[in-house]
Amino acid sequence: MTARNARLAALMQEADLSHKSLARAVIAAAALSGESAVCDHTYVSRWLKGSIPRGNMPQFIADAVGRRLGRRLTIDDIGMGTAAVSAVQPHLGLDFADRPEVAARTAADLWRADLAEAESLVRAQMDTAAGNTAALRWLVAPAGEELTQVGDRAIGATDVEMVRSTTEAFSMLDGRFGGGHARRALIQYLHTDVRPMLDGKYSDAVGKQLYSAVAEALLLAGWMSYDSCLHGIAQRYFIQALRMTGAAGDRRLGGSVLSAMSHQATFTGRYQDAVSLARAAYTNPSANLGPTMAAQFRAMEARALARLGDERGCDLALVEAERRLSERTADSDPPYISYFDEVELAAEIGHCFRDLGRSAEATERGAGSLFGDDANTRSDFFATMVQAEAYINQGEVGHGCEVALNALSLGEGLKSARCLQYVREFRDRVTDRMRRAAEFRDFAARARGFRLWNDAGGAG
């Protein structure tokens, strides 16, 4: 039996709304959002008894009551927040919204559903068509959207800086401990602290900065979800981040979102999509790309081309990535791409040559990736494991096993499903003949002391 919705009842009393007048106001609110709604006083009676309507209706109710009161209300304010998760539509977050405020509302709905562990979203599969459609719509979207917002709480530059600094802190945790470590904490922060900011009062200039900062946070939420192999909700965060960069006019950050989508597409085996997404990021005519961003986008293209077996295309992309990275200066790129340096590029080169079967080049060119600054343990793990694979592919079983032990040691503090997948791939590359070698038997005995090896089913 559902509990009476006391919050909605109190707001209706405050707004002096009868059942019939609220029903009319909800129909009007839906019409303003471009939708038609069927509603009468009997619907209102059901809501007051605790019934939760499906689809966008909870938001229309909040809009209708809020308009009467002269302030913005959320579905949490009207007592339908948590319960509304049960009415979440499986396609939530896959659309590239026509209007910025719809994207903000969608992001808030995703955060709420994620925290409530709505199975239809958190464990959802990726939708290839949705990602490609979002990328195309972002590329051709007109500029100049108005983001002025009238709400109760004044939002300024300090609030925006707060979002950026908090995102930076979570990014550091992500790199050192993996996406599974603080993913839920980031979503909780976005839901509790950032959502009210989007509903606040700000000028167009502040709104563009706010949307850019929230897009960066959504991009990180996507990365952390992807690192946890929660691919469906990761894709939804990426799509909403992309939409917000469009609203903010931040085309460079939008390119970074496309690059992340390319990275995920390669990991999930959609190599041609990955190539297209990376090229869209690189060739976007509206963005003034700095050399580091350009290099990172070409490296993502190379990763996908290597998986497709396109050696020439991969080599050309890597040469261009190296050329562009050599042009970087201290202030040539935005701060969020500063992590991509010569060490990171060496890791990408190692991945590419391993996938192309050029193992000797993978160990030679990728060797520079083993000298990180300890700021990104997960990247160091990936690079080291790739080097281990390249060595065993050359028949250097002993050397490869020693390098793999170094990787497993790095991985002890990482909560990352992707790291686990790298260990499984390493095991799959070990042939039966290699397993019989004394070097591998010694390695297997030592590897059993590491969590990732055991989690990967690494009995030997």
Protein backbone atom coordinates (compact mmCIF):
# COMPACT_ATOMS: atom_id res chain seq x y z
CA MET A 1 0.00 0.00 0.00
CA THR A 2 1.47 3.38 -1.01
CA ALA A 3 1.94 6.16 1.55
CA ARG A 4 0.07 9.45 1.27
CA ASN A 5 2.09 12.15 -0.45
CA ALA A 6 2.22 14.78 2.29
CA ARG A 7 4.71 16.97 0.42
CA LEU A 8 2.45 17.41 -2.57
CA ALA A 9 -0.55 18.03 -0.33
CA ALA A 10 1.30 20.77 1.58
CA LEU A 11 2.47 22.47 -1.61
CA MET A 12 -1.03 22.38 -3.08
CA GLN A 13 -2.35 24.03 0.07
CA GLU A 14 0.39 26.67 -0.03
CA ALA A 15 -0.36 27.38 -3.69
CA ASP A 16 -4.13 27.34 -3.11
CA LEU A 17 -4.56 24.70 -5.81
CA SER A 18 -7.63 22.48 -5.94
CA HIS A 19 -7.58 19.06 -7.55
CA LYS A 20 -9.15 20.43 -10.74
CA SER A 21 -6.97 23.53 -10.94
CA LEU A 22 -3.80 21.45 -10.49
CA ALA A 23 -4.95 19.10 -13.24
CA ARG A 24 -5.42 22.06 -15.61
CA ALA A 25 -2.03 23.49 -14.62
CA VAL A 26 -0.30 20.15 -15.30
CA ILE A 27 -1.82 19.98 -18.79
CA ALA A 28 -0.56 23.52 -19.43
CA ALA A 29 2.93 22.66 -18.13
CA ALA A 30 3.10 19.65 -20.44
CA ALA A 31 2.03 21.80 -23.39
CA LEU A 32 4.84 24.28 -22.63
CA SER A 33 7.26 21.36 -22.89
CA GLY A 34 5.85 20.33 -26.25
CA GLU A 35 3.92 17.34 -24.95
CA SER A 36 0.25 16.54 -24.49
CA ALA A 37 -1.02 15.18 -21.19
CA VAL A 38 -4.30 13.63 -20.10
CA CYS A 39 -5.17 14.67 -16.55
CA ASP A 40 -8.21 15.40 -14.37
CA HIS A 41 -9.05 15.65 -10.67
CA THR A 42 -9.08 11.85 -10.25
CA TYR A 43 -5.40 11.69 -11.29
CA VAL A 44 -4.58 14.27 -8.60
CA SER A 45 -6.40 12.18 -6.00
CA ARG A 46 -4.25 9.18 -6.90
CA TRP A 47 -1.03 11.22 -6.62
CA LEU A 48 -2.03 12.45 -3.17
CA LYS A 49 -2.57 8.82 -2.13
CA GLY A 50 1.00 8.02 -3.18
CA SER A 51 0.64 6.94 -6.82
CA ILE A 52 3.60 7.87 -9.04
CA PRO A 53 2.77 8.73 -12.67
CA ARG A 54 5.01 7.50 -15.45
CA GLY A 55 7.25 9.31 -17.88
CA ASN A 56 7.68 13.09 -17.57
CA MET A 57 4.47 13.62 -15.61
CA PRO A 58 6.20 14.07 -12.19
CA GLN A 59 8.23 16.94 -13.65
CA PHE A 60 5.12 18.51 -15.18
CA ILE A 61 3.46 18.40 -11.75
CA ALA A 62 6.51 20.06 -10.19
CA ASP A 63 6.54 22.70 -12.95
CA ALA A 64 2.83 23.41 -12.51
CA VAL A 65 2.98 23.85 -8.73
CA GLY A 66 6.27 25.76 -8.94
CA ARG A 67 4.86 28.18 -11.47
CA ARG A 68 1.94 28.91 -9.16
CA LEU A 69 4.29 29.49 -6.21
CA GLY A 70 6.78 31.52 -8.23
CA ARG A 71 9.73 29.22 -7.59
CA ARG A 72 11.27 26.19 -9.25
CA LEU A 73 10.39 22.81 -7.76
CA THR A 74 11.92 19.38 -8.37
CA ILE A 75 10.25 16.01 -8.26
CA ASP A 76 11.96 15.49 -4.91
CA ASP A 77 10.17 18.60 -3.61
CA ILE A 78 6.76 17.17 -4.55
CA GLY A 79 7.51 13.84 -2.89
CA MET A 80 8.01 11.82 -6.10
CA GLY A 81 11.82 11.70 -6.37
CA THR A 82 12.83 8.29 -5.07
CA ALA A 83 9.60 6.56 -5.97
CA ALA A 84 9.76 7.95 -9.52
CA VAL A 85 12.76 5.73 -10.18
CA SER A 86 10.37 2.81 -10.60
CA ALA A 87 8.79 4.69 -13.49
CA VAL A 88 12.09 5.43 -15.23
CA GLN A 89 11.96 4.74 -18.95
CA PRO A 90 14.76 2.49 -20.31
CA HIS A 91 15.69 5.08 -22.95
CA LEU A 92 16.39 7.82 -20.36
CA GLY A 93 19.58 9.67 -21.24
CA LEU A 94 19.96 8.33 -24.76
CA ASP A 95 18.37 11.34 -26.47
CA PHE A 96 20.28 14.47 -27.50
CA ALA A 97 17.77 16.97 -26.15
CA ASP A 98 16.43 19.84 -28.23
CA ARG A 99 16.66 22.29 -25.32
CA PRO A 100 19.39 22.76 -22.68
CA GLU A 101 16.98 22.67 -19.75
CA VAL A 102 15.79 19.24 -20.86
CA ALA A 103 19.39 18.01 -20.82
CA ALA A 104 19.81 19.38 -17.28
CA ARG A 105 16.62 17.65 -16.18
CA THR A 106 17.73 14.41 -17.84
CA ALA A 107 21.09 14.53 -16.07
CA ALA A 108 19.32 15.00 -12.73
CA ASP A 109 17.03 12.05 -13.47
CA LEU A 110 20.06 9.90 -14.32
CA TRP A 111 21.79 10.80 -11.06
CA ARG A 112 18.67 9.96 -9.06
CA ALA A 113 18.15 6.64 -10.88
CA ASP A 114 21.83 5.75 -10.57
CA LEU A 115 21.83 6.32 -6.81
CA ALA A 116 18.65 4.25 -6.51
CA GLU A 117 20.41 1.51 -8.52
CA ALA A 118 17.66 1.35 -11.11
CA GLU A 119 18.57 -1.89 -12.85
CA SER A 120 17.18 -0.83 -16.23
CA LEU A 121 19.77 1.96 -16.42
CA VAL A 122 22.76 1.02 -14.29
CA ARG A 123 23.12 -2.42 -15.92
CA ALA A 124 21.85 -1.36 -19.35
CA GLN A 125 23.59 -2.30 -22.58
CA MET A 126 24.95 0.32 -24.93
CA ASP A 127 22.82 1.68 -27.77
CA THR A 128 25.09 2.15 -30.79
CA ALA A 129 22.58 4.19 -32.76
CA ALA A 130 22.07 6.63 -29.86
CA GLY A 131 25.78 7.40 -29.61
CA ASN A 132 26.18 7.99 -33.32
CA THR A 133 23.06 10.15 -33.48
CA ALA A 134 24.24 12.28 -30.56
CA ALA A 135 27.63 12.82 -32.20
CA LEU A 136 26.03 13.90 -35.47
CA ARG A 137 23.57 16.25 -33.79
CA TRP A 138 26.37 17.82 -31.76
CA LEU A 139 28.45 18.42 -34.90
CA VAL A 140 25.66 20.23 -36.76
CA ALA A 141 23.97 21.97 -33.80
CA PRO A 142 23.68 25.76 -34.12
CA ALA A 143 25.53 27.96 -31.63
CA GLY A 144 24.15 30.68 -29.40
CA GLU A 145 21.68 29.00 -27.02
CA GLU A 146 20.38 31.21 -24.21
CA LEU A 147 21.05 29.84 -20.72
CA THR A 148 19.69 32.59 -18.49
CA GLN A 149 17.82 30.98 -15.61
CA VAL A 150 15.43 32.49 -13.06
CA GLY A 151 15.41 30.56 -9.78
CA ASP A 152 15.58 31.06 -6.05
CA ARG A 153 19.32 30.68 -5.47
CA ALA A 154 21.80 33.05 -7.11
CA ILE A 155 24.64 31.17 -8.83
CA GLY A 156 27.94 32.87 -9.61
CA ALA A 157 31.56 32.27 -10.60
CA THR A 158 32.45 30.88 -7.16
CA ASP A 159 29.83 28.16 -7.50
CA VAL A 160 31.18 27.19 -10.90
CA GLU A 161 34.73 27.03 -9.55
CA MET A 162 33.47 24.83 -6.73
CA VAL A 163 32.10 22.32 -9.26
CA ARG A 164 35.33 22.35 -11.28
CA SER A 165 37.56 21.89 -8.21
CA THR A 166 35.42 19.06 -6.85
CA THR A 167 35.46 17.32 -10.22
CA GLU A 168 39.25 17.66 -10.30
CA ALA A 169 39.48 16.02 -6.88
CA PHE A 170 37.30 13.11 -7.99
CA SER A 171 39.39 12.79 -11.17
CA MET A 172 42.50 12.36 -9.05
CA LEU A 173 40.81 9.62 -7.03
CA ASP A 174 39.67 7.95 -10.24
CA GLY A 175 43.21 7.80 -11.65
CA ARG A 176 44.79 6.53 -8.45
CA PHE A 177 42.17 4.04 -7.28
CA GLY A 178 39.93 3.26 -10.27
CA GLY A 179 36.40 4.23 -11.22
CA GLY A 180 34.80 1.82 -8.77
CA HIS A 181 36.35 3.57 -5.78
CA ALA A 182 34.44 6.88 -5.72
CA ARG A 183 31.94 6.64 -8.58
CA ARG A 184 28.91 6.60 -6.32
CA ALA A 185 30.30 9.48 -4.23
CA LEU A 186 30.62 11.60 -7.38
CA ILE A 187 27.05 10.86 -8.41
CA GLN A 188 25.85 11.71 -4.90
CA TYR A 189 27.68 15.05 -5.06
CA LEU A 190 26.14 15.85 -8.42
CA HIS A 191 22.67 14.93 -7.20
CA THR A 192 22.89 16.74 -3.86
CA ASP A 193 25.01 19.82 -4.66
CA VAL A 194 25.04 20.41 -8.41
CA ARG A 195 21.39 19.73 -9.27
CA PRO A 196 20.16 22.71 -7.21
CA MET A 197 22.70 24.92 -8.99
CA LEU A 198 21.21 24.06 -12.37
CA ASP A 199 17.82 25.11 -10.99
CA GLY A 200 19.20 28.40 -9.64
CA LYS A 201 19.32 31.98 -10.86
CA TYR A 202 22.13 32.96 -13.24
CA SER A 203 22.98 35.06 -16.28
CA ASP A 204 23.68 33.59 -19.70
CA ALA A 205 27.44 34.04 -19.18
CA VAL A 206 27.41 32.25 -15.83
CA GLY A 207 25.04 29.63 -17.26
CA LYS A 208 27.50 28.78 -20.01
CA GLN A 209 30.31 28.38 -17.49
CA LEU A 210 28.07 26.27 -15.25
CA TYR A 211 26.98 23.99 -18.09
CA SER A 212 30.62 23.57 -19.13
CA ALA A 213 31.63 22.64 -15.57
CA VAL A 214 28.73 20.19 -15.24
CA ALA A 215 29.62 18.68 -18.62
CA GLU A 216 33.14 18.06 -17.36
CA ALA A 217 31.71 16.37 -14.26
CA LEU A 218 29.38 14.27 -16.42
CA LEU A 219 32.33 13.30 -18.60
CA LEU A 220 34.13 12.04 -15.49
CA ALA A 221 30.98 10.20 -14.35
CA GLY A 222 30.96 8.53 -17.75
CA TRP A 223 34.62 7.53 -17.48
CA MET A 224 34.18 6.14 -13.96
CA SER A 225 31.09 4.18 -15.01
CA TYR A 226 32.90 2.89 -18.11
CA ASP A 227 35.88 1.87 -15.95
CA SER A 228 33.39 -0.10 -13.84
CA CYS A 229 32.10 -1.72 -17.06
CA LEU A 230 28.66 -0.15 -16.52
CA HIS A 231 28.59 0.68 -20.20
CA GLY A 232 24.94 1.63 -20.62
CA ILE A 233 24.86 4.34 -17.98
CA ALA A 234 28.36 5.48 -18.98
CA GLN A 235 27.08 6.09 -22.51
CA ARG A 236 24.14 8.07 -21.14
CA TYR A 237 26.47 10.30 -19.11
CA PHE A 238 28.64 10.86 -22.18
CA ILE A 239 25.63 11.83 -24.32
CA GLN A 240 24.35 14.32 -21.74
CA ALA A 241 27.86 15.74 -21.28
CA LEU A 242 28.05 16.22 -25.04
CA ARG A 243 24.70 18.03 -25.05
CA MET A 244 25.80 20.36 -22.27
CA THR A 245 29.04 21.26 -24.07
CA GLY A 246 26.88 22.29 -27.01
CA ALA A 247 24.75 24.52 -24.79
CA ALA A 248 27.87 26.01 -23.21
CA GLY A 249 29.54 26.59 -26.57
CA ASP A 250 32.54 24.60 -25.29
CA ARG A 251 33.46 22.77 -28.48
CA ARG A 252 36.88 21.66 -27.22
CA LEU A 253 35.35 19.90 -24.23
CA GLY A 254 32.79 18.38 -26.58
CA GLY A 255 35.68 16.93 -28.57
CA SER A 256 37.01 15.32 -25.40
CA VAL A 257 33.60 13.74 -24.82
CA LEU A 258 33.64 12.31 -28.36
CA SER A 259 37.15 11.00 -27.69
CA ALA A 260 35.92 9.25 -24.54
CA MET A 261 33.05 7.74 -26.52
CA SER A 262 35.61 6.51 -29.06
CA HIS A 263 37.68 4.93 -26.29
CA GLN A 264 34.64 3.09 -24.95
CA ALA A 265 33.64 1.97 -28.45
CA THR A 266 37.09 0.42 -28.97
CA PHE A 267 36.95 -1.36 -25.62
CA THR A 268 33.51 -2.80 -26.42
CA GLY A 269 34.52 -3.97 -29.91
CA ARG A 270 32.80 -1.30 -32.04
CA TYR A 271 35.98 -0.34 -33.86
CA GLN A 272 34.54 1.46 -36.90
CA ASP A 273 32.33 3.58 -34.66
CA ALA A 274 35.41 4.35 -32.57
CA VAL A 275 37.28 5.60 -35.65
CA SER A 276 34.38 7.84 -36.66
CA LEU A 277 33.98 9.33 -33.18
CA ALA A 278 37.71 10.10 -32.89
CA ARG A 279 37.74 11.71 -36.33
CA ALA A 280 34.68 13.78 -35.44
CA ALA A 281 36.53 15.05 -32.37
CA TYR A 282 39.64 15.90 -34.41
CA THR A 283 38.02 17.46 -37.48
CA ASN A 284 35.32 19.47 -35.67
CA PRO A 285 35.57 22.80 -37.53
CA SER A 286 34.10 24.86 -34.67
CA ALA A 287 36.75 23.95 -32.09
CA ASN A 288 40.13 25.63 -31.78
CA LEU A 289 42.05 22.51 -30.79
CA GLY A 290 45.28 22.84 -28.89
CA PRO A 291 48.14 20.48 -29.77
CA THR A 292 47.61 18.18 -26.79
CA MET A 293 43.94 17.70 -27.55
CA ALA A 294 44.67 17.07 -31.22
CA ALA A 295 47.32 14.51 -30.29
CA GLN A 296 44.98 12.69 -27.93
CA PHE A 297 42.20 12.53 -30.52
CA ARG A 298 44.57 11.12 -33.17
CA ALA A 299 45.83 8.56 -30.66
CA MET A 300 42.24 7.40 -30.09
CA GLU A 301 41.82 7.05 -33.86
CA ALA A 302 45.04 5.01 -34.00
CA ARG A 303 43.81 2.68 -31.22
CA ALA A 304 40.66 1.86 -33.18
CA LEU A 305 42.50 1.48 -36.51
CA ALA A 306 44.94 -0.92 -34.89
CA ARG A 307 42.06 -3.12 -33.76
CA LEU A 308 40.76 -3.06 -37.35
CA GLY A 309 44.19 -4.18 -38.60
CA ASP A 310 44.72 -0.97 -40.60
CA GLU A 311 48.49 -0.64 -40.16
CA ARG A 312 49.01 2.27 -42.54
CA GLY A 313 46.15 4.28 -41.11
CA CYS A 314 47.32 3.59 -37.56
CA ASP A 315 50.91 4.61 -38.35
CA LEU A 316 49.78 7.86 -39.99
CA ALA A 317 47.58 8.74 -37.02
CA LEU A 318 50.40 8.04 -34.55
CA VAL A 319 52.90 10.13 -36.53
CA GLU A 320 50.43 13.02 -36.49
CA ALA A 321 49.81 12.53 -32.76
CA GLU A 322 53.54 12.72 -32.05
CA ARG A 323 53.92 15.82 -34.22
CA ARG A 324 51.06 17.65 -32.56
CA LEU A 325 52.17 16.72 -29.04
CA SER A 326 55.65 18.14 -29.77
CA GLU A 327 53.96 21.52 -30.31
CA ARG A 328 52.43 21.73 -26.84
CA THR A 329 53.26 24.59 -24.49
CA ALA A 330 52.41 25.26 -20.86
CA ASP A 331 49.23 27.16 -21.76
CA SER A 332 48.24 25.68 -25.12
CA ASP A 333 45.42 23.47 -23.84
CA PRO A 334 42.72 23.43 -21.16
CA PRO A 335 43.73 21.96 -17.77
CA TYR A 336 41.62 18.81 -18.07
CA ILE A 337 43.78 17.44 -20.92
CA SER A 338 47.12 18.15 -19.21
CA TYR A 339 47.43 14.49 -18.16
CA PHE A 340 48.12 13.51 -21.78
CA ASP A 341 51.88 13.73 -22.22
CA GLU A 342 54.73 11.79 -23.78
CA VAL A 343 54.27 8.96 -21.28
CA GLU A 344 50.58 8.64 -22.10
CA LEU A 345 51.29 8.70 -25.83
CA ALA A 346 53.93 5.99 -25.40
CA ALA A 347 51.24 3.87 -23.72
CA GLU A 348 48.90 4.41 -26.67
CA ILE A 349 51.67 3.44 -29.08
CA GLY A 350 52.28 0.27 -27.07
CA HIS A 351 48.59 -0.63 -27.26
CA CYS A 352 48.51 -0.05 -31.02
CA PHE A 353 51.59 -2.11 -31.89
CA ARG A 354 50.52 -4.95 -29.59
CA ASP A 355 47.15 -5.10 -31.36
CA LEU A 356 48.84 -5.03 -34.77
CA GLY A 357 51.03 -7.99 -33.78
CA ARG A 358 54.20 -5.88 -33.90
CA SER A 359 55.35 -6.99 -30.48
CA ALA A 360 59.00 -5.93 -30.77
CA GLU A 361 57.92 -2.39 -31.64
CA ALA A 362 55.36 -2.48 -28.85
CA THR A 363 58.05 -3.18 -26.24
CA GLU A 364 60.49 -0.69 -27.79
CA ARG A 365 58.13 2.24 -28.45
CA GLY A 366 55.92 1.56 -25.45
CA ALA A 367 58.79 1.32 -22.98
CA GLY A 368 58.47 5.02 -22.19
CA SER A 369 55.02 4.38 -20.75
CA LEU A 370 56.54 2.53 -17.78
CA PHE A 371 57.94 5.70 -16.26
CA GLY A 372 54.86 7.49 -14.98
CA ASP A 373 54.82 10.01 -12.14
CA ASP A 374 52.62 7.84 -9.87
CA ALA A 375 49.73 10.29 -10.33
CA ASN A 376 47.70 7.85 -12.43
CA THR A 377 48.15 4.32 -11.12
CA ARG A 378 45.51 2.86 -13.43
CA SER A 379 47.23 4.17 -16.57
CA ASP A 380 50.53 2.77 -15.28
CA PHE A 381 48.82 -0.59 -14.75
CA PHE A 382 47.41 -0.65 -18.30
CA ALA A 383 50.74 0.29 -19.87
CA THR A 384 52.66 -2.28 -17.83
CA MET A 385 50.23 -5.08 -18.62
CA VAL A 386 50.40 -4.27 -22.34
CA GLN A 387 54.19 -4.49 -22.16
CA ALA A 388 53.90 -7.86 -20.43
CA GLU A 389 51.67 -9.15 -23.22
CA ALA A 390 54.05 -7.86 -25.88
CA TYR A 391 56.98 -9.70 -24.29
CA ILE A 392 55.20 -13.05 -24.07
CA ASN A 393 54.01 -12.61 -27.66
CA GLN A 394 57.69 -12.44 -28.64
CA GLY A 395 58.35 -15.65 -26.72
CA GLU A 396 60.13 -13.88 -23.84
CA VAL A 397 58.02 -15.64 -21.23
CA GLY A 398 60.25 -14.92 -18.25
CA HIS A 399 60.56 -11.21 -18.98
CA GLY A 400 56.85 -10.92 -19.71
CA CYS A 401 55.94 -12.63 -16.44
CA GLU A 402 58.19 -10.34 -14.42
CA VAL A 403 56.59 -7.29 -16.01
CA ALA A 404 53.13 -8.76 -15.36
CA LEU A 405 53.99 -9.13 -11.67
CA ASN A 406 54.83 -5.43 -11.59
CA ALA A 407 51.44 -4.68 -13.12
CA LEU A 408 49.62 -6.88 -10.60
CA SER A 409 51.39 -5.05 -7.79
CA LEU A 410 50.22 -1.71 -9.22
CA GLY A 411 46.69 -3.07 -9.42
CA GLU A 412 46.35 -4.02 -5.76
CA GLY A 413 44.64 -0.74 -4.85
CA LEU A 414 42.55 -0.37 -7.99
CA LYS A 415 38.79 -0.94 -8.17
CA SER A 416 38.50 -1.19 -11.94
CA ALA A 417 36.65 -3.73 -14.04
CA ARG A 418 38.79 -2.70 -17.01
CA CYS A 419 41.94 -3.70 -15.11
CA LEU A 420 40.39 -7.09 -14.52
CA GLN A 421 39.73 -7.42 -18.25
CA TYR A 422 43.41 -6.66 -19.02
CA VAL A 423 44.47 -9.48 -16.70
CA ARG A 424 42.05 -11.86 -18.42
CA GLU A 425 43.43 -10.87 -21.84
CA PHE A 426 46.97 -11.54 -20.60
CA ARG A 427 45.95 -15.01 -19.42
CA ASP A 428 44.28 -15.73 -22.75
CA ARG A 429 47.50 -14.91 -24.63
CA VAL A 430 49.46 -17.48 -22.66
CA THR A 431 49.66 -20.70 -24.70
CA ASP A 432 49.69 -24.22 -23.26
CA ARG A 433 53.41 -24.48 -24.13
CA MET A 434 54.13 -21.30 -22.20
CA ARG A 435 52.20 -22.61 -19.20
CA ARG A 436 54.52 -25.61 -19.04
CA ALA A 437 57.61 -23.38 -18.85
CA ALA A 438 59.29 -23.10 -15.45
CA GLU A 439 59.17 -19.29 -15.65
CA PHE A 440 55.40 -19.28 -15.96
CA ARG A 441 54.87 -21.84 -13.21
CA ASP A 442 56.94 -19.67 -10.87
CA PHE A 443 54.99 -16.60 -11.99
CA ALA A 444 51.61 -18.30 -11.38
CA ALA A 445 52.62 -19.24 -7.85
CA ARG A 446 53.62 -15.64 -7.08
CA ALA A 447 50.65 -14.13 -8.92
CA ARG A 448 48.23 -15.95 -6.63
CA GLY A 449 49.22 -13.44 -4.00
CA PHE A 450 47.53 -10.64 -5.95
CA ARG A 451 43.83 -9.83 -5.92
CA LEU A 452 43.38 -9.11 -9.63
CA TRP A 453 44.94 -12.42 -10.66
CA ASN A 454 42.62 -14.36 -8.38
CA ASP A 455 39.56 -12.32 -9.42
CA ALA A 456 40.39 -13.10 -13.04
CA GLY A 457 40.32 -16.81 -12.28
CA GLY A 458 44.07 -17.09 -12.51
CA ALA A 459 44.66 -20.49 -10.95
CA GLY A 460 47.62 -21.04 -13.23
